[in-house]
């Protein structure tokens, strides 16, 4: 990034500063104060002090003091790594892989937002995520002050048996053994193979309404930026999160509702034809699957997926139905459940696109189908689920230029979402640039977003627009207005702090 200092520039700056403190607002730390409890997980020396800085700086000063460090050469990549690791060490993915743990889950979403932003806005998402971490850290302290422990070295499997140990521990829902096996995977197995292993369990059960798949996808994506040498504590945290079952009896020894689709789908996957990836894209098939997702059971949906694949329909047409069906749930009942249908589908799609194991890919498709019906059923417990479909969004023929239409859409998002959806569809159908609209929608999140879900949802929905077939993508993006922020929403108040903290960076 433009703000990063070259090696020569850093050395020259260091000489010029002489004995001056780089961060004038912080008191000097003694060697004793920087020594960690040996029972607590420790990170690589080059990142440990920065993680400690994030952990120990009070929330009211963290943004400003981080801004000072950035001005003196702290890079975006270093800050991203330290932020994720601080969350891993300090925030427990219990009692659910959600709630306060969103401080970890949102890091990749903030990173995506940063990558997609103009240069002048690029620091905003990651600084926002810093403040979110401090909020979650405070909550974790109130709930018992959990800290990730150091791994038990004597229990880490040997390299030749680590894959088997990981599978056995995950299948038996054995947390201590999975923790040691995850550490072994980080040490002995390559990054691509590790993704394959974890992807096989990411969508195994419907506990935590999709957050398990979200965490696997987001952790993997962030690791690609910060470096694999940070993987061990992250993989340990992932295994712990994936084995969360909220105090129920051991799922491996009981027939529990969240596990039933997985058990059935393991058998169903064997009925899918050979060469199932080589199918044809068919919009009619997408529409047929959408009808099943609206009213059918989990079994109905997964049976429909198998039937379509065996009829020679491309997985792309099935994935189109998943994305559009998730978006349609927002139209039927805007809220937290439908939001997670979109973000979970985004995560499963990422895993489907990035794993090379065809058996895992089949199961990801089948689980996504089942999950969408379970999301729909969960919405019923939160109030009325409207009997509407995505097809009922009308495309409003624009009479304004693209530049004039976008502000009107953003205004309508804050009070007339159906009108905003029709405006989006009309804008896109007229051939106006989608990216201009997406950029402005993302900017509204920076200014108005108050919750990790604002970043998670917007990053997922705005990214997925480009993954969907042209016949469906415009309608999908139109549904996103049911959970985006508009110009009439209240400013979040943190942007000015961030701008002040990063001024001159």
Protein backbone atom coordinates (compact mmCIF):
# COMPACT_ATOMS: atom_id res chain seq x y z
CA UNK A 1 0.00 0.00 0.00
CA UNK A 2 1.07 3.60 -0.50
CA UNK A 3 1.35 4.13 3.24
CA UNK A 4 3.84 1.33 3.79
CA UNK A 5 7.44 2.41 4.28
CA UNK A 6 10.25 0.92 2.24
CA UNK A 7 13.04 -0.79 4.15
CA UNK A 8 15.40 2.10 3.40
CA UNK A 9 12.76 4.65 4.40
CA UNK A 10 12.12 2.84 7.64
CA UNK A 11 15.80 2.78 8.55
CA UNK A 12 16.21 6.44 7.72
CA UNK A 13 13.14 7.29 9.73
CA UNK A 14 14.42 5.29 12.67
CA UNK A 15 17.75 7.14 12.60
CA UNK A 16 15.99 10.47 12.44
CA UNK A 17 13.80 9.62 15.40
CA UNK A 18 16.78 8.58 17.49
CA UNK A 19 15.65 7.69 20.97
CA UNK A 20 12.16 9.12 20.57
CA UNK A 21 9.18 6.87 21.26
CA UNK A 22 7.25 6.03 18.09
CA UNK A 23 3.98 6.07 20.04
CA UNK A 24 4.13 8.99 22.38
CA UNK A 25 0.90 8.17 24.18
CA UNK A 26 2.03 4.78 25.46
CA UNK A 27 4.06 4.23 28.58
CA UNK A 28 7.25 2.15 28.14
CA UNK A 29 6.84 -1.57 28.80
CA UNK A 30 9.27 -3.51 30.91
CA UNK A 31 10.50 -6.94 29.87
CA UNK A 32 8.46 -8.45 32.70
CA UNK A 33 5.28 -6.85 31.43
CA UNK A 34 5.76 -8.26 27.93
CA UNK A 35 6.25 -11.84 29.10
CA UNK A 36 3.19 -14.00 28.54
CA UNK A 37 1.90 -16.77 30.76
CA UNK A 38 3.33 -20.00 29.31
CA UNK A 39 -0.13 -21.55 29.58
CA UNK A 40 -1.48 -19.06 27.03
CA UNK A 41 -1.05 -19.49 23.28
CA UNK A 42 1.75 -17.32 21.95
CA UNK A 43 2.26 -16.06 18.42
CA UNK A 44 5.36 -15.48 16.32
CA UNK A 45 7.67 -12.91 17.94
CA UNK A 46 7.34 -10.45 15.06
CA UNK A 47 3.56 -10.15 15.58
CA UNK A 48 3.18 -10.84 19.32
CA UNK A 49 3.93 -7.30 20.47
CA UNK A 50 1.41 -5.82 18.03
CA UNK A 51 -1.27 -8.27 19.20
CA UNK A 52 -0.50 -7.29 22.80
CA UNK A 53 -0.85 -3.64 21.81
CA UNK A 54 -4.34 -4.30 20.41
CA UNK A 55 -5.32 -6.40 23.41
CA UNK A 56 -4.12 -3.96 26.07
CA UNK A 57 -4.82 -0.52 24.63
CA UNK A 58 -8.15 0.83 25.95
CA UNK A 59 -10.93 1.02 23.41
CA UNK A 60 -11.16 4.79 23.66
CA UNK A 61 -7.53 5.21 22.55
CA UNK A 62 -6.93 2.26 20.23
CA UNK A 63 -7.88 3.89 16.92
CA UNK A 64 -5.81 6.98 17.56
CA UNK A 65 -2.74 5.08 18.73
CA UNK A 66 -3.02 2.62 15.84
CA UNK A 67 -3.16 5.60 13.49
CA UNK A 68 0.12 6.82 14.97
CA UNK A 69 1.70 3.44 14.33
CA UNK A 70 0.46 3.41 10.75
CA UNK A 71 2.01 6.82 10.17
CA UNK A 72 5.30 5.39 11.42
CA UNK A 73 5.24 2.40 9.10
CA UNK A 74 2.80 -0.21 10.40
CA UNK A 75 1.53 -2.01 7.30
CA UNK A 76 -2.01 -3.03 6.49
CA UNK A 77 -1.03 -6.70 6.36
CA UNK A 78 0.58 -6.60 9.81
CA UNK A 79 -2.47 -4.89 11.27
CA UNK A 80 -4.84 -7.39 9.64
CA UNK A 81 -2.85 -10.33 11.03
CA UNK A 82 -2.65 -8.90 14.54
CA UNK A 83 -6.36 -8.09 14.58
CA UNK A 84 -7.36 -11.63 13.62
CA UNK A 85 -4.95 -13.20 16.11
CA UNK A 86 -6.12 -10.93 18.92
CA UNK A 87 -9.65 -12.17 18.30
CA UNK A 88 -8.53 -15.79 18.15
CA UNK A 89 -6.75 -15.53 21.51
CA UNK A 90 -9.32 -13.48 23.39
CA UNK A 91 -12.81 -14.31 22.13
CA UNK A 92 -14.33 -17.72 22.69
CA UNK A 93 -16.54 -19.23 19.93
CA UNK A 94 -19.00 -20.30 22.61
CA UNK A 95 -21.83 -20.67 23.40
CA UNK A 96 -22.32 -20.15 19.67
CA UNK A 97 -20.06 -19.42 16.71
CA UNK A 98 -21.58 -15.96 16.50
CA UNK A 99 -22.51 -13.16 18.89
CA UNK A 100 -19.27 -11.78 20.38
CA UNK A 101 -17.26 -14.04 18.05
CA UNK A 102 -18.28 -11.82 15.16
CA UNK A 103 -15.14 -9.83 15.99
CA UNK A 104 -13.27 -12.74 14.38
CA UNK A 105 -15.82 -13.62 11.70
CA UNK A 106 -15.95 -10.05 10.38
CA UNK A 107 -12.21 -9.63 9.80
CA UNK A 108 -12.27 -11.09 6.29
CA UNK A 109 -15.42 -9.14 5.43
CA UNK A 110 -13.69 -5.94 6.48
CA UNK A 111 -10.66 -7.00 4.43
CA UNK A 112 -12.83 -7.56 1.33
CA UNK A 113 -14.37 -4.14 1.85
CA UNK A 114 -10.89 -2.62 2.13
CA UNK A 115 -9.68 -4.29 -1.06
CA UNK A 116 -12.74 -3.05 -2.94
CA UNK A 117 -12.53 0.54 -1.71
CA UNK A 118 -11.00 3.67 -3.21
CA UNK A 119 -7.55 4.45 -1.78
CA UNK A 120 -8.85 7.21 0.47
CA UNK A 121 -11.33 4.85 2.19
CA UNK A 122 -9.16 1.76 2.42
CA UNK A 123 -8.27 2.05 6.11
CA UNK A 124 -11.87 2.59 7.26
CA UNK A 125 -13.07 -1.05 7.41
CA UNK A 126 -10.04 -2.42 9.23
CA UNK A 127 -10.10 0.38 11.82
CA UNK A 128 -13.82 -0.22 12.28
CA UNK A 129 -13.04 -3.91 12.89
CA UNK A 130 -10.47 -2.90 15.54
CA UNK A 131 -13.18 -1.11 17.49
CA UNK A 132 -15.50 -4.10 17.07
CA UNK A 133 -12.83 -6.38 18.54
CA UNK A 134 -12.54 -4.20 21.64
CA UNK A 135 -16.31 -4.39 22.12
CA UNK A 136 -16.23 -8.20 21.87
CA UNK A 137 -13.20 -8.38 24.14
CA UNK A 138 -15.07 -6.42 26.80
CA UNK A 139 -18.04 -8.77 26.49
CA UNK A 140 -15.81 -11.84 26.73
CA UNK A 141 -14.27 -10.47 29.92
CA UNK A 142 -17.75 -10.05 31.42
CA UNK A 143 -18.59 -13.64 30.45
CA UNK A 144 -15.53 -15.21 32.10
CA UNK A 145 -12.46 -13.78 30.33
CA UNK A 146 -11.63 -16.82 28.19
CA UNK A 147 -8.16 -17.03 26.65
CA UNK A 148 -6.91 -19.66 24.23
CA UNK A 149 -4.53 -22.00 26.03
CA UNK A 150 -1.22 -23.23 24.69
CA UNK A 151 -1.48 -26.51 22.80
CA UNK A 152 -0.48 -29.69 24.63
CA UNK A 153 2.67 -30.57 22.72
CA UNK A 154 2.76 -34.19 23.90
CA UNK A 155 -0.66 -34.85 22.29
CA UNK A 156 0.12 -33.58 18.78
CA UNK A 157 -0.03 -36.58 16.41
CA UNK A 158 2.95 -37.67 14.35
CA UNK A 159 3.11 -36.36 10.77
CA UNK A 160 2.17 -39.72 9.24
CA UNK A 161 -0.98 -40.05 11.37
CA UNK A 162 -2.15 -36.45 11.72
CA UNK A 163 -4.82 -36.62 8.98
CA UNK A 164 -6.33 -39.78 10.46
CA UNK A 165 -6.25 -38.25 13.94
CA UNK A 166 -8.02 -35.14 12.69
CA UNK A 167 -10.80 -37.11 10.99
CA UNK A 168 -11.31 -39.37 13.98
CA UNK A 169 -11.48 -36.48 16.43
CA UNK A 170 -13.92 -34.52 14.25
CA UNK A 171 -16.15 -37.52 13.64
CA UNK A 172 -16.22 -38.31 17.36
CA UNK A 173 -16.67 -34.65 18.37
CA UNK A 174 -13.61 -34.91 20.60
CA UNK A 175 -12.44 -31.35 21.35
CA UNK A 176 -9.04 -32.02 23.01
CA UNK A 177 -7.93 -34.47 20.31
CA UNK A 178 -9.14 -32.16 17.54
CA UNK A 179 -7.20 -29.28 19.07
CA UNK A 180 -3.94 -31.25 19.01
CA UNK A 181 -4.64 -32.61 15.53
CA UNK A 182 -5.34 -29.10 14.19
CA UNK A 183 -1.96 -27.95 15.49
CA UNK A 184 -0.37 -30.93 13.78
CA UNK A 185 -2.05 -30.08 10.50
CA UNK A 186 -0.61 -26.57 10.62
CA UNK A 187 2.88 -27.97 11.20
CA UNK A 188 2.94 -30.97 8.89
CA UNK A 189 0.35 -30.56 6.13
CA UNK A 190 0.27 -28.10 3.25
CA UNK A 191 -2.21 -25.26 3.12
CA UNK A 192 -4.27 -26.66 0.22
CA UNK A 193 -4.69 -30.03 1.90
CA UNK A 194 -5.75 -28.34 5.12
CA UNK A 195 -8.53 -26.47 3.32
CA UNK A 196 -9.75 -29.77 1.90
CA UNK A 197 -9.85 -31.30 5.38
CA UNK A 198 -11.72 -28.46 7.03
CA UNK A 199 -14.09 -27.92 4.10
CA UNK A 200 -15.35 -31.44 4.67
CA UNK A 201 -16.76 -30.41 8.05
CA UNK A 202 -17.65 -26.76 7.41
CA UNK A 203 -21.31 -27.41 6.55
CA UNK A 204 -21.78 -30.64 8.48
CA UNK A 205 -24.55 -29.35 10.76
CA UNK A 206 -26.97 -26.44 11.02
CA UNK A 207 -25.89 -25.31 14.48
CA UNK A 208 -24.98 -21.61 14.75
CA UNK A 209 -27.07 -20.85 11.61
CA UNK A 210 -24.25 -21.20 9.15
CA UNK A 211 -21.46 -19.54 11.10
CA UNK A 212 -19.30 -22.66 10.99
CA UNK A 213 -19.06 -22.55 7.20
CA UNK A 214 -18.61 -18.78 7.35
CA UNK A 215 -15.70 -19.15 9.75
CA UNK A 216 -13.92 -21.80 7.67
CA UNK A 217 -14.20 -19.71 4.50
CA UNK A 218 -13.29 -16.40 6.11
CA UNK A 219 -10.37 -17.79 8.11
CA UNK A 220 -8.93 -19.45 5.03
CA UNK A 221 -9.28 -16.31 2.96
CA UNK A 222 -7.60 -14.15 5.58
CA UNK A 223 -4.74 -16.61 5.94
CA UNK A 224 -4.03 -16.20 2.23
CA UNK A 225 -3.24 -12.56 2.95
CA UNK A 226 -1.50 -12.65 6.32
CA UNK A 227 0.58 -15.79 5.70
CA UNK A 228 0.38 -19.49 6.50
CA UNK A 229 2.90 -19.16 9.33
CA UNK A 230 0.01 -17.75 11.42
CA UNK A 231 -2.20 -20.79 10.78
CA UNK A 232 -1.75 -22.91 13.90
CA UNK A 233 -3.83 -20.92 16.40
CA UNK A 234 -6.40 -20.18 13.71
CA UNK A 235 -6.83 -23.87 12.83
CA UNK A 236 -7.13 -24.73 16.51
CA UNK A 237 -9.84 -22.12 16.90
CA UNK A 238 -11.59 -23.47 13.81
CA UNK A 239 -11.67 -27.04 15.10
CA UNK A 240 -13.05 -25.78 18.42
CA UNK A 241 -15.76 -23.82 16.64
CA UNK A 242 -16.75 -26.66 14.33
CA UNK A 243 -17.25 -28.98 17.31
CA UNK A 244 -19.62 -26.61 19.08
CA UNK A 245 -22.91 -28.37 19.84
CA UNK A 246 -24.35 -26.18 22.62
CA UNK A 247 -24.18 -28.70 25.44
CA UNK A 248 -26.18 -31.38 23.62
CA UNK A 249 -25.30 -35.04 23.86
CA UNK A 250 -22.41 -36.14 21.65
CA UNK A 251 -23.76 -35.89 18.08
CA UNK A 252 -21.72 -38.90 16.97
CA UNK A 253 -23.70 -41.09 19.36
CA UNK A 254 -27.15 -39.55 18.99
CA UNK A 255 -29.72 -38.75 16.33
CA UNK A 256 -30.01 -34.95 16.66
CA UNK A 257 -31.98 -32.74 14.30
CA UNK A 258 -29.08 -30.48 13.17
CA UNK A 259 -27.16 -33.55 11.95
CA UNK A 260 -29.88 -35.36 10.00
CA UNK A 261 -29.48 -33.64 6.62
CA UNK A 262 -25.76 -34.46 6.64
CA UNK A 263 -26.33 -38.13 7.36
CA UNK A 264 -28.93 -38.41 4.62
CA UNK A 265 -26.88 -36.39 2.15
CA UNK A 266 -23.84 -38.60 2.58
CA UNK A 267 -25.94 -41.42 1.14
CA UNK A 268 -27.66 -39.22 -1.42
CA UNK A 269 -24.34 -37.97 -2.81
CA UNK A 270 -23.54 -41.50 -3.96
CA UNK A 271 -26.50 -41.34 -6.38
CA UNK A 272 -25.11 -38.40 -8.34
CA UNK A 273 -23.91 -39.38 -11.80
CA UNK A 274 -20.34 -39.40 -12.98
CA UNK A 275 -19.24 -36.28 -14.86
CA UNK A 276 -21.83 -34.26 -12.92
CA UNK A 277 -19.69 -31.14 -13.21
CA UNK A 278 -20.06 -31.11 -17.00
CA UNK A 279 -23.65 -29.95 -17.28
CA UNK A 280 -25.52 -27.23 -19.13
CA UNK A 281 -26.63 -23.91 -17.65
CA UNK A 282 -30.41 -23.81 -17.64
CA UNK A 283 -32.40 -20.88 -16.26
CA UNK A 284 -35.60 -22.98 -16.23
CA UNK A 285 -33.91 -25.51 -13.95
CA UNK A 286 -32.86 -22.66 -11.64
CA UNK A 287 -36.46 -21.47 -11.48
CA UNK A 288 -37.72 -25.00 -10.75
CA UNK A 289 -35.28 -25.38 -7.87
CA UNK A 290 -36.32 -21.97 -6.52
CA UNK A 291 -39.91 -23.20 -6.33
CA UNK A 292 -38.80 -26.18 -4.25
CA UNK A 293 -36.73 -23.98 -1.94
CA UNK A 294 -39.77 -21.75 -1.32
CA UNK A 295 -42.06 -24.47 -0.02
CA UNK A 296 -40.31 -27.83 0.14
CA UNK A 297 -38.57 -29.66 2.96
CA UNK A 298 -34.84 -30.22 3.29
CA UNK A 299 -35.31 -33.67 1.76
CA UNK A 300 -37.31 -32.22 -1.13
CA UNK A 301 -34.58 -29.69 -1.85
CA UNK A 302 -31.70 -32.15 -1.79
CA UNK A 303 -33.63 -34.68 -3.90
CA UNK A 304 -34.24 -31.90 -6.43
CA UNK A 305 -30.52 -31.10 -6.59
CA UNK A 306 -29.63 -34.74 -7.25
CA UNK A 307 -32.31 -34.95 -9.93
CA UNK A 308 -31.06 -31.83 -11.70
CA UNK A 309 -27.43 -32.97 -11.65
CA UNK A 310 -28.40 -36.39 -12.99
CA UNK A 311 -30.37 -34.69 -15.78
CA UNK A 312 -27.22 -32.93 -16.93
CA UNK A 313 -27.85 -29.51 -15.36
CA UNK A 314 -24.73 -27.52 -14.51
CA UNK A 315 -23.89 -26.90 -10.84
CA UNK A 316 -23.85 -23.21 -11.80
CA UNK A 317 -27.62 -23.26 -12.34
CA UNK A 318 -28.06 -24.87 -8.93
CA UNK A 319 -25.77 -22.33 -7.29
CA UNK A 320 -27.76 -19.56 -9.00
CA UNK A 321 -30.86 -20.87 -7.26
CA UNK A 322 -29.08 -20.90 -3.91
CA UNK A 323 -27.90 -17.29 -4.17
CA UNK A 324 -31.19 -15.99 -5.52
CA UNK A 325 -33.21 -18.11 -3.08
CA UNK A 326 -31.23 -16.72 -0.16
CA UNK A 327 -31.80 -13.18 -1.42
CA UNK A 328 -35.49 -13.88 -1.84
CA UNK A 329 -35.74 -14.82 1.84
CA UNK A 330 -34.74 -11.24 2.65
CA UNK A 331 -37.67 -9.98 0.59
CA UNK A 332 -39.99 -12.35 2.44
CA UNK A 333 -38.71 -11.34 5.89
CA UNK A 334 -35.82 -8.92 6.26
CA UNK A 335 -33.86 -9.78 9.37
CA UNK A 336 -31.08 -11.74 10.99
CA UNK A 337 -32.09 -15.20 9.75
CA UNK A 338 -32.42 -14.33 6.06
CA UNK A 339 -29.21 -12.32 6.30
CA UNK A 340 -27.37 -15.45 7.37
CA UNK A 341 -28.89 -17.41 4.51
CA UNK A 342 -27.03 -15.02 2.19
CA UNK A 343 -23.73 -15.04 4.08
CA UNK A 344 -23.79 -18.83 4.57
CA UNK A 345 -24.45 -19.39 0.88
CA UNK A 346 -21.55 -17.06 0.12
CA UNK A 347 -19.25 -19.11 2.36
CA UNK A 348 -20.36 -22.47 0.97
CA UNK A 349 -19.95 -21.14 -2.57
CA UNK A 350 -16.39 -20.10 -1.77
CA UNK A 351 -15.60 -23.55 -0.39
CA UNK A 352 -17.23 -25.23 -3.39
CA UNK A 353 -15.14 -23.12 -5.76
CA UNK A 354 -11.88 -23.70 -3.88
CA UNK A 355 -11.91 -27.35 -2.89
CA UNK A 356 -10.80 -30.03 -5.33
CA UNK A 357 -12.48 -32.96 -3.60
CA UNK A 358 -15.58 -33.84 -5.61
CA UNK A 359 -17.20 -35.75 -2.76
CA UNK A 360 -16.88 -32.68 -0.55
CA UNK A 361 -18.27 -30.50 -3.34
CA UNK A 362 -21.33 -32.72 -3.73
CA UNK A 363 -22.01 -32.54 -0.01
CA UNK A 364 -21.59 -28.77 0.02
CA UNK A 365 -24.26 -28.45 -2.68
CA UNK A 366 -26.65 -30.78 -0.88
CA UNK A 367 -26.11 -29.12 2.50
CA UNK A 368 -26.64 -25.65 1.03
CA UNK A 369 -29.97 -26.80 -0.38
CA UNK A 370 -31.02 -28.25 2.98
CA UNK A 371 -29.84 -25.19 4.90
CA UNK A 372 -31.95 -22.79 2.83
CA UNK A 373 -35.12 -24.66 3.76
CA UNK A 374 -34.01 -24.67 7.41
CA UNK A 375 -33.40 -20.92 7.29
CA UNK A 376 -36.88 -20.46 5.86
CA UNK A 377 -38.39 -22.56 8.64
CA UNK A 378 -36.42 -20.66 11.29
CA UNK A 379 -37.85 -17.40 9.94
CA UNK A 380 -41.33 -18.68 10.80
CA UNK A 381 -40.48 -18.41 14.49
CA UNK A 382 -39.69 -14.71 14.13
CA UNK A 383 -42.94 -13.50 12.62
CA UNK A 384 -44.75 -13.44 9.33
CA UNK A 385 -42.93 -14.73 6.28
CA UNK A 386 -44.42 -12.92 3.30
CA UNK A 387 -45.71 -14.97 0.39
CA UNK A 388 -43.74 -13.13 -2.29
CA UNK A 389 -41.14 -14.16 -4.81
CA UNK A 390 -38.19 -12.48 -6.42
CA UNK A 391 -40.06 -12.49 -9.72
CA UNK A 392 -42.48 -9.91 -8.31
CA UNK A 393 -39.83 -7.19 -8.15
CA UNK A 394 -40.64 -4.95 -11.10
CA UNK A 395 -37.91 -3.32 -13.15
CA UNK A 396 -38.49 0.46 -13.05
CA UNK A 397 -37.53 2.02 -16.37
CA UNK A 398 -35.07 4.80 -15.47
CA UNK A 399 -35.63 8.32 -16.74
CA UNK A 400 -32.51 9.71 -15.02
CA UNK A 401 -28.85 9.29 -15.76
CA UNK A 402 -26.90 6.69 -13.79
CA UNK A 403 -25.25 9.45 -11.74
CA UNK A 404 -28.65 10.88 -10.77
CA UNK A 405 -30.31 7.52 -10.18
CA UNK A 406 -27.86 6.13 -7.60
CA UNK A 407 -28.60 8.83 -4.96
CA UNK A 408 -32.33 8.17 -5.37
CA UNK A 409 -31.80 4.45 -4.83
CA UNK A 410 -29.72 5.13 -1.71
CA UNK A 411 -32.44 7.42 -0.36
CA UNK A 412 -35.12 4.79 -0.93
CA UNK A 413 -33.09 2.10 0.84
CA UNK A 414 -33.64 4.03 4.08
CA UNK A 415 -37.42 4.06 3.88
CA UNK A 416 -38.90 2.47 0.78
CA UNK A 417 -36.99 -0.74 0.22
CA UNK A 418 -39.36 -2.20 -2.35
CA UNK A 419 -39.02 0.98 -4.40
CA UNK A 420 -35.25 0.81 -3.94
CA UNK A 421 -35.22 -2.81 -5.16
CA UNK A 422 -37.20 -1.85 -8.25
CA UNK A 423 -34.81 1.05 -8.82
CA UNK A 424 -31.78 -1.25 -8.60
CA UNK A 425 -33.32 -3.69 -11.05
CA UNK A 426 -34.18 -0.89 -13.46
CA UNK A 427 -30.70 0.61 -13.15
CA UNK A 428 -29.02 -2.71 -13.94
CA UNK A 429 -31.44 -3.76 -16.67
CA UNK A 430 -30.74 -0.44 -18.39
CA UNK A 431 -27.09 -1.44 -18.65
CA UNK A 432 -25.77 1.15 -16.21
CA UNK A 433 -22.47 0.18 -14.52
CA UNK A 434 -23.09 -2.24 -11.66
CA UNK A 435 -19.75 -1.42 -10.06
CA UNK A 436 -20.66 2.25 -9.58
CA UNK A 437 -23.76 1.24 -7.66
CA UNK A 438 -21.83 -1.37 -5.66
CA UNK A 439 -19.15 1.16 -4.74
CA UNK A 440 -21.71 3.60 -3.39
CA UNK A 441 -23.57 0.87 -1.50
CA UNK A 442 -20.33 -0.18 0.15
CA UNK A 443 -19.53 3.40 1.05
CA UNK A 444 -22.87 3.62 2.86
CA UNK A 445 -21.77 0.71 5.04
CA UNK A 446 -18.62 2.61 6.00
CA UNK A 447 -20.65 5.67 6.96
CA UNK A 448 -23.74 4.03 8.45
CA UNK A 449 -22.81 0.48 9.46
CA UNK A 450 -23.07 -0.22 13.17
CA UNK A 451 -22.88 -3.99 13.36
CA UNK A 452 -20.61 -6.79 12.16
CA UNK A 453 -23.53 -8.10 10.12
CA UNK A 454 -23.51 -4.92 8.04
CA UNK A 455 -19.99 -5.75 6.85
CA UNK A 456 -20.54 -9.50 6.61
CA UNK A 457 -23.69 -9.13 4.55
CA UNK A 458 -22.54 -6.36 2.25
CA UNK A 459 -19.22 -8.03 1.48
CA UNK A 460 -20.98 -11.31 0.68
CA UNK A 461 -23.85 -9.92 -1.39
CA UNK A 462 -21.81 -7.41 -3.36
CA UNK A 463 -19.19 -10.06 -4.11
CA UNK A 464 -21.71 -12.72 -5.14
CA UNK A 465 -23.31 -10.52 -7.78
CA UNK A 466 -20.45 -11.43 -10.11
CA UNK A 467 -20.71 -15.17 -9.40
CA UNK A 468 -24.32 -15.47 -10.55
CA UNK A 469 -25.42 -16.07 -14.14
CA UNK A 470 -26.45 -12.90 -16.04
CA UNK A 471 -30.11 -13.94 -16.17
CA UNK A 472 -30.35 -13.84 -12.38
CA UNK A 473 -27.70 -11.53 -11.00
CA UNK A 474 -29.64 -8.28 -11.35
CA UNK A 475 -32.57 -9.60 -9.35
CA UNK A 476 -30.21 -10.93 -6.71
CA UNK A 477 -28.56 -7.54 -6.25
CA UNK A 478 -31.99 -5.93 -6.05
CA UNK A 479 -32.80 -8.10 -3.02
CA UNK A 480 -29.69 -6.84 -1.20
CA UNK A 481 -31.34 -3.46 -0.50
CA UNK A 482 -33.42 -5.20 2.17
CA UNK A 483 -30.33 -5.33 4.35
CA UNK A 484 -28.08 -2.54 3.08
CA UNK A 485 -27.82 0.97 4.50
CA UNK A 486 -29.18 4.03 2.75
CA UNK A 487 -28.34 7.70 2.85
CA UNK A 488 -31.15 8.34 5.33
CA UNK A 489 -29.72 5.99 7.96
CA UNK A 490 -27.94 7.63 10.86
CA UNK A 491 -24.16 8.03 10.60
CA UNK A 492 -22.32 5.60 12.84
CA UNK A 493 -20.15 8.25 14.46
CA UNK A 494 -16.94 6.26 14.24
CA UNK A 495 -15.90 7.40 10.77
CA UNK A 496 -14.72 10.81 11.97
CA UNK A 497 -12.60 9.15 14.66
CA UNK A 498 -11.07 6.87 12.05
CA UNK A 499 -10.42 9.71 9.64
CA UNK A 500 -8.78 11.71 12.37
CA UNK A 501 -6.70 8.71 13.48
CA UNK A 502 -5.52 7.99 9.91
CA UNK A 503 -5.06 11.56 8.74
CA UNK A 504 -1.86 11.94 6.72
CA UNK A 505 -1.68 8.13 6.22
